[in-house]
All heavy atoms as atom14 arrays in JSON, in Angstrom:
{
  "sequence": "DVGCQGQSKYPCLQVTVNLTHSGQKALLHYN",
  "atom14_mask": [
    [1, 1, 1, 1, 1, 1, 1, 1, 0, 0, 0, 0, 0, 0],
    [1, 1, 1, 1, 1, 1, 1, 0, 0, 0, 0, 0, 0, 0],
    [1, 1, 1, 1, 0, 0, 0, 0, 0, 0, 0, 0, 0, 0],
    [1, 1, 1, 1, 1, 1, 0, 0, 0, 0, 0, 0, 0, 0],
    [1, 1, 1, 1, 1, 1, 1, 1, 1, 0, 0, 0, 0, 0],
    [1, 1, 1, 1, 0, 0, 0, 0, 0, 0, 0, 0, 0, 0],
    [1, 1, 1, 1, 1, 1, 1, 1, 1, 0, 0, 0, 0, 0],
    [1, 1, 1, 1, 1, 1, 0, 0, 0, 0, 0, 0, 0, 0],
    [1, 1, 1, 1, 1, 1, 1, 1, 1, 0, 0, 0, 0, 0],
    [1, 1, 1, 1, 1, 1, 1, 1, 1, 1, 1, 1, 0, 0],
    [1, 1, 1, 1, 1, 1, 1, 0, 0, 0, 0, 0, 0, 0],
    [1, 1, 1, 1, 1, 1, 0, 0, 0, 0, 0, 0, 0, 0],
    [1, 1, 1, 1, 1, 1, 1, 1, 0, 0, 0, 0, 0, 0],
    [1, 1, 1, 1, 1, 1, 1, 1, 1, 0, 0, 0, 0, 0],
    [1, 1, 1, 1, 1, 1, 1, 0, 0, 0, 0, 0, 0, 0],
    [1, 1, 1, 1, 1, 1, 1, 0, 0, 0, 0, 0, 0, 0],
    [1, 1, 1, 1, 1, 1, 1, 0, 0, 0, 0, 0, 0, 0],
    [1, 1, 1, 1, 1, 1, 1, 1, 0, 0, 0, 0, 0, 0],
    [1, 1, 1, 1, 1, 1, 1, 1, 0, 0, 0, 0, 0, 0],
    [1, 1, 1, 1, 1, 1, 1, 0, 0, 0, 0, 0, 0, 0],
    [1, 1, 1, 1, 1, 1, 1, 1, 1, 1, 0, 0, 0, 0],
    [1, 1, 1, 1, 1, 1, 0, 0, 0, 0, 0, 0, 0, 0],
    [1, 1, 1, 1, 0, 0, 0, 0, 0, 0, 0, 0, 0, 0],
    [1, 1, 1, 1, 1, 1, 1, 1, 1, 0, 0, 0, 0, 0],
    [1, 1, 1, 1, 1, 1, 1, 1, 1, 0, 0, 0, 0, 0],
    [1, 1, 1, 1, 1, 0, 0, 0, 0, 0, 0, 0, 0, 0],
    [1, 1, 1, 1, 1, 1, 1, 1, 0, 0, 0, 0, 0, 0],
    [1, 1, 1, 1, 1, 1, 1, 1, 0, 0, 0, 0, 0, 0],
    [1, 1, 1, 1, 1, 1, 1, 1, 1, 1, 0, 0, 0, 0],
    [1, 1, 1, 1, 1, 1, 1, 1, 1, 1, 1, 1, 0, 0],
    [1, 1, 1, 1, 1, 1, 1, 1, 0, 0, 0, 0, 0, 0]
  ],
  "atom14_positions": [
    [[11.35, 26.06, -8.31], [12.24, 27.2, -8.66], [13.6, 26.94, -8.01], [13.85, 25.87, -7.44], [11.64, 28.51, -8.13], [10.41, 28.94, -8.91], [10.4, 28.7, -10.13], [9.43, 29.45, -8.3], [0.0, 0.0, 0.0], [0.0, 0.0, 0.0], [0.0, 0.0, 0.0], [0.0, 0.0, 0.0], [0.0, 0.0, 0.0], [0.0, 0.0, 0.0]],
    [[14.46, 27.95, -8.14], [15.78, 27.82, -7.53], [15.64, 27.77, -6.01], [15.1, 28.67, -5.38], [16.68, 29.0, -7.96], [18.05, 28.89, -7.29], [16.81, 29.03, -9.46], [0.0, 0.0, 0.0], [0.0, 0.0, 0.0], [0.0, 0.0, 0.0], [0.0, 0.0, 0.0], [0.0, 0.0, 0.0], [0.0, 0.0, 0.0], [0.0, 0.0, 0.0]],
    [[16.11, 26.7, -5.43], [16.03, 26.51, -3.98], [14.64, 26.15, -3.47], [14.39, 26.23, -2.27], [0.0, 0.0, 0.0], [0.0, 0.0, 0.0], [0.0, 0.0, 0.0], [0.0, 0.0, 0.0], [0.0, 0.0, 0.0], [0.0, 0.0, 0.0], [0.0, 0.0, 0.0], [0.0, 0.0, 0.0], [0.0, 0.0, 0.0], [0.0, 0.0, 0.0]],
    [[13.74, 25.73, -4.39], [12.36, 25.39, -4.0], [12.11, 23.94, -4.38], [12.34, 23.53, -5.53], [11.37, 26.32, -4.67], [9.64, 25.83, -4.41], [0.0, 0.0, 0.0], [0.0, 0.0, 0.0], [0.0, 0.0, 0.0], [0.0, 0.0, 0.0], [0.0, 0.0, 0.0], [0.0, 0.0, 0.0], [0.0, 0.0, 0.0], [0.0, 0.0, 0.0]],
    [[11.61, 23.15, -3.48], [11.26, 21.75, -3.71], [9.86, 21.5, -3.16], [9.49, 22.07, -2.13], [12.26, 20.8, -3.07], [13.64, 20.82, -3.73], [14.57, 19.79, -3.14], [14.24, 19.17, -2.12], [15.74, 19.6, -3.75], [0.0, 0.0, 0.0], [0.0, 0.0, 0.0], [0.0, 0.0, 0.0], [0.0, 0.0, 0.0], [0.0, 0.0, 0.0]],
    [[9.11, 20.65, -3.9], [7.77, 20.33, -3.47], [7.52, 18.82, -3.48], [8.27, 18.07, -4.07], [0.0, 0.0, 0.0], [0.0, 0.0, 0.0], [0.0, 0.0, 0.0], [0.0, 0.0, 0.0], [0.0, 0.0, 0.0], [0.0, 0.0, 0.0], [0.0, 0.0, 0.0], [0.0, 0.0, 0.0], [0.0, 0.0, 0.0], [0.0, 0.0, 0.0]],
    [[6.44, 18.41, -2.85], [6.05, 17.02, -2.78], [4.74, 16.83, -3.51], [3.85, 17.69, -3.49], [5.89, 16.58, -1.32], [7.15, 16.69, -0.48], [8.19, 15.65, -0.91], [7.85, 14.56, -1.35], [9.45, 16.03, -0.75], [0.0, 0.0, 0.0], [0.0, 0.0, 0.0], [0.0, 0.0, 0.0], [0.0, 0.0, 0.0], [0.0, 0.0, 0.0]],
    [[4.65, 15.7, -4.23], [3.44, 15.41, -4.96], [3.26, 13.9, -5.03], [4.06, 13.15, -4.48], [3.49, 16.0, -6.39], [2.27, 15.75, -7.08], [0.0, 0.0, 0.0], [0.0, 0.0, 0.0], [0.0, 0.0, 0.0], [0.0, 0.0, 0.0], [0.0, 0.0, 0.0], [0.0, 0.0, 0.0], [0.0, 0.0, 0.0], [0.0, 0.0, 0.0]],
    [[2.19, 13.44, -5.69], [1.94, 12.03, -5.86], [1.5, 11.76, -7.31], [0.91, 12.61, -7.97], [0.85, 11.54, -4.9], [1.28, 11.53, -3.43], [0.21, 10.91, -2.55], [0.65, 10.84, -1.11], [-0.38, 10.18, -0.25], [0.0, 0.0, 0.0], [0.0, 0.0, 0.0], [0.0, 0.0, 0.0], [0.0, 0.0, 0.0], [0.0, 0.0, 0.0]],
    [[1.79, 10.56, -7.76], [1.42, 10.16, -9.12], [0.7, 8.81, -9.04], [0.98, 7.98, -8.17], [2.63, 10.07, -10.04], [3.62, 9.01, -9.7], [3.52, 7.72, -10.25], [4.67, 9.26, -8.82], [4.42, 6.72, -9.93], [5.59, 8.26, -8.5], [5.46, 7.0, -9.05], [6.35, 6.02, -8.73], [0.0, 0.0, 0.0], [0.0, 0.0, 0.0]],
    [[-0.21, 8.55, -10.0], [-0.97, 7.28, -9.99], [-0.08, 6.14, -10.46], [0.76, 6.29, -11.33], [-2.11, 7.54, -10.97], [-1.6, 8.6, -11.87], [-0.69, 9.47, -11.07], [0.0, 0.0, 0.0], [0.0, 0.0, 0.0], [0.0, 0.0, 0.0], [0.0, 0.0, 0.0], [0.0, 0.0, 0.0], [0.0, 0.0, 0.0], [0.0, 0.0, 0.0]],
    [[-0.27, 4.99, -9.82], [0.5, 3.8, -10.19], [-0.33, 2.94, -11.14], [-1.35, 2.33, -10.74], [0.87, 3.01, -8.94], [1.81, 1.51, -9.25], [0.0, 0.0, 0.0], [0.0, 0.0, 0.0], [0.0, 0.0, 0.0], [0.0, 0.0, 0.0], [0.0, 0.0, 0.0], [0.0, 0.0, 0.0], [0.0, 0.0, 0.0], [0.0, 0.0, 0.0]],
    [[0.09, 2.92, -12.41], [-0.61, 2.11, -13.41], [0.02, 0.72, -13.48], [1.24, 0.59, -13.65], [-0.49, 2.78, -14.8], [-1.07, 2.01, -15.97], [-2.57, 1.79, -15.84], [-0.74, 2.7, -17.28], [0.0, 0.0, 0.0], [0.0, 0.0, 0.0], [0.0, 0.0, 0.0], [0.0, 0.0, 0.0], [0.0, 0.0, 0.0], [0.0, 0.0, 0.0]],
    [[-0.79, -0.3, -13.35], [-0.32, -1.67, -13.41], [-0.91, -2.34, -14.64], [-2.13, -2.25, -14.91], [-0.71, -2.46, -12.16], [0.04, -2.03, -10.92], [-0.27, -2.88, -9.7], [-1.29, -3.61, -9.69], [0.56, -2.8, -8.68], [0.0, 0.0, 0.0], [0.0, 0.0, 0.0], [0.0, 0.0, 0.0], [0.0, 0.0, 0.0], [0.0, 0.0, 0.0]],
    [[-0.06, -3.02, -15.41], [-0.47, -3.75, -16.62], [-0.05, -5.22, -16.44], [1.16, -5.5, -16.34], [0.14, -3.16, -17.88], [-0.28, -3.93, -19.11], [-0.2, -1.69, -18.02], [0.0, 0.0, 0.0], [0.0, 0.0, 0.0], [0.0, 0.0, 0.0], [0.0, 0.0, 0.0], [0.0, 0.0, 0.0], [0.0, 0.0, 0.0], [0.0, 0.0, 0.0]],
    [[-1.02, -6.09, -16.38], [-0.75, -7.53, -16.24], [-0.87, -8.19, -17.62], [-1.87, -8.0, -18.33], [-1.73, -8.18, -15.28], [-1.7, -7.49, -14.02], [-1.37, -9.63, -15.05], [0.0, 0.0, 0.0], [0.0, 0.0, 0.0], [0.0, 0.0, 0.0], [0.0, 0.0, 0.0], [0.0, 0.0, 0.0], [0.0, 0.0, 0.0], [0.0, 0.0, 0.0]],
    [[0.16, -8.95, -18.0], [0.22, -9.58, -19.31], [0.46, -11.09, -19.13], [0.82, -11.56, -18.05], [1.33, -8.98, -20.21], [1.04, -7.51, -20.49], [2.7, -9.13, -19.53], [0.0, 0.0, 0.0], [0.0, 0.0, 0.0], [0.0, 0.0, 0.0], [0.0, 0.0, 0.0], [0.0, 0.0, 0.0], [0.0, 0.0, 0.0], [0.0, 0.0, 0.0]],
    [[0.21, -11.78, -20.24], [0.44, -13.22, -20.27], [1.52, -13.52, -21.3], [1.4, -13.11, -22.46], [-0.84, -13.94, -20.61], [-0.66, -15.45, -20.65], [0.14, -16.02, -19.9], [-1.41, -16.12, -21.52], [0.0, 0.0, 0.0], [0.0, 0.0, 0.0], [0.0, 0.0, 0.0], [0.0, 0.0, 0.0], [0.0, 0.0, 0.0], [0.0, 0.0, 0.0]],
    [[2.59, -14.21, -20.89], [3.64, -14.6, -21.82], [3.16, -15.74, -22.7], [2.72, -16.8, -22.21], [4.9, -15.04, -21.06], [5.7, -13.9, -20.38], [6.8, -14.51, -19.51], [6.29, -12.98, -21.42], [0.0, 0.0, 0.0], [0.0, 0.0, 0.0], [0.0, 0.0, 0.0], [0.0, 0.0, 0.0], [0.0, 0.0, 0.0], [0.0, 0.0, 0.0]],
    [[3.22, -15.54, -24.03], [2.66, -16.51, -24.96], [3.4, -17.83, -24.92], [2.79, -18.91, -24.97], [2.68, -15.95, -26.39], [2.0, -14.68, -26.38], [2.01, -16.89, -27.36], [0.0, 0.0, 0.0], [0.0, 0.0, 0.0], [0.0, 0.0, 0.0], [0.0, 0.0, 0.0], [0.0, 0.0, 0.0], [0.0, 0.0, 0.0], [0.0, 0.0, 0.0]],
    [[4.72, -17.82, -24.84], [5.52, -19.04, -24.97], [5.42, -19.91, -23.72], [5.6, -21.14, -23.81], [6.99, -18.69, -25.21], [7.72, -18.22, -24.0], [7.57, -16.96, -23.48], [8.62, -18.87, -23.19], [8.36, -16.83, -22.42], [8.99, -17.95, -22.2], [0.0, 0.0, 0.0], [0.0, 0.0, 0.0], [0.0, 0.0, 0.0], [0.0, 0.0, 0.0]],
    [[5.09, -19.36, -22.56], [5.07, -20.12, -21.33], [3.69, -20.05, -20.63], [3.43, -20.88, -19.74], [6.13, -19.66, -20.34], [5.91, -18.32, -19.96], [0.0, 0.0, 0.0], [0.0, 0.0, 0.0], [0.0, 0.0, 0.0], [0.0, 0.0, 0.0], [0.0, 0.0, 0.0], [0.0, 0.0, 0.0], [0.0, 0.0, 0.0], [0.0, 0.0, 0.0]],
    [[2.87, -19.12, -20.99], [1.58, -18.96, -20.32], [1.7, -18.35, -18.93], [0.75, -18.41, -18.15], [0.0, 0.0, 0.0], [0.0, 0.0, 0.0], [0.0, 0.0, 0.0], [0.0, 0.0, 0.0], [0.0, 0.0, 0.0], [0.0, 0.0, 0.0], [0.0, 0.0, 0.0], [0.0, 0.0, 0.0], [0.0, 0.0, 0.0], [0.0, 0.0, 0.0]],
    [[2.85, -17.79, -18.59], [3.08, -17.22, -17.27], [2.52, -15.8, -17.22], [2.61, -15.03, -18.15], [4.59, -17.2, -16.96], [4.95, -16.65, -15.59], [6.47, -16.61, -15.38], [7.23, -16.96, -16.27], [6.87, -16.2, -14.18], [0.0, 0.0, 0.0], [0.0, 0.0, 0.0], [0.0, 0.0, 0.0], [0.0, 0.0, 0.0], [0.0, 0.0, 0.0]],
    [[1.93, -15.47, -16.07], [1.42, -14.13, -15.84], [2.52, -13.26, -15.24], [3.23, -13.7, -14.34], [0.22, -14.18, -14.92], [-0.45, -12.83, -14.73], [-1.74, -12.99, -13.95], [-1.48, -13.44, -12.52], [-2.72, -13.44, -11.7], [0.0, 0.0, 0.0], [0.0, 0.0, 0.0], [0.0, 0.0, 0.0], [0.0, 0.0, 0.0], [0.0, 0.0, 0.0]],
    [[2.64, -12.0, -15.76], [3.72, -11.11, -15.29], [3.27, -9.67, -15.36], [2.26, -9.34, -16.07], [4.96, -11.32, -16.15], [0.0, 0.0, 0.0], [0.0, 0.0, 0.0], [0.0, 0.0, 0.0], [0.0, 0.0, 0.0], [0.0, 0.0, 0.0], [0.0, 0.0, 0.0], [0.0, 0.0, 0.0], [0.0, 0.0, 0.0], [0.0, 0.0, 0.0]],
    [[3.97, -8.81, -14.65], [3.72, -7.37, -14.69], [4.57, -6.76, -15.79], [5.79, -7.02, -15.92], [4.08, -6.74, -13.35], [3.1, -6.97, -12.19], [3.66, -6.33, -10.92], [1.74, -6.35, -12.54], [0.0, 0.0, 0.0], [0.0, 0.0, 0.0], [0.0, 0.0, 0.0], [0.0, 0.0, 0.0], [0.0, 0.0, 0.0], [0.0, 0.0, 0.0]],
    [[3.94, -5.92, -16.57], [4.62, -5.26, -17.69], [5.16, -3.92, -17.25], [4.45, -3.14, -16.58], [3.66, -5.1, -18.87], [4.23, -4.46, -20.13], [5.3, -5.37, -20.73], [3.15, -4.17, -21.15], [0.0, 0.0, 0.0], [0.0, 0.0, 0.0], [0.0, 0.0, 0.0], [0.0, 0.0, 0.0], [0.0, 0.0, 0.0], [0.0, 0.0, 0.0]],
    [[6.4, -3.64, -17.62], [7.04, -2.34, -17.36], [7.48, -1.72, -18.69], [7.65, -2.41, -19.68], [8.24, -2.51, -16.43], [7.87, -3.12, -15.1], [7.41, -2.39, -14.03], [7.87, -4.42, -14.69], [7.17, -3.18, -13.01], [7.44, -4.44, -13.39], [0.0, 0.0, 0.0], [0.0, 0.0, 0.0], [0.0, 0.0, 0.0], [0.0, 0.0, 0.0]],
    [[7.71, -0.41, -18.64], [8.07, 0.27, -19.88], [9.48, -0.1, -20.34], [9.66, -0.46, -21.5], [7.96, 1.8, -19.66], [8.27, 2.59, -20.88], [7.45, 2.51, -22.03], [9.42, 3.38, -20.95], [7.78, 3.23, -23.17], [9.72, 4.09, -22.09], [8.91, 4.02, -23.19], [9.21, 4.73, -24.32], [0.0, 0.0, 0.0], [0.0, 0.0, 0.0]],
    [[10.49, -0.02, -19.47], [11.85, -0.39, -19.84], [12.58, -0.8, -18.54], [11.98, -0.99, -17.5], [12.59, 0.75, -20.53], [12.56, 2.05, -19.74], [12.31, 2.05, -18.54], [12.86, 3.17, -20.4], [0.0, 0.0, 0.0], [0.0, 0.0, 0.0], [0.0, 0.0, 0.0], [0.0, 0.0, 0.0], [0.0, 0.0, 0.0], [0.0, 0.0, 0.0]]
  ]
}
């Protein structure tokens, strides 16, 4: 609310992918 702040937590989703052209493993991000 106005003048009100709270603390929370969110889950960390990790997506591991493989690049086809190089075969390198990397972490995928949305943008």
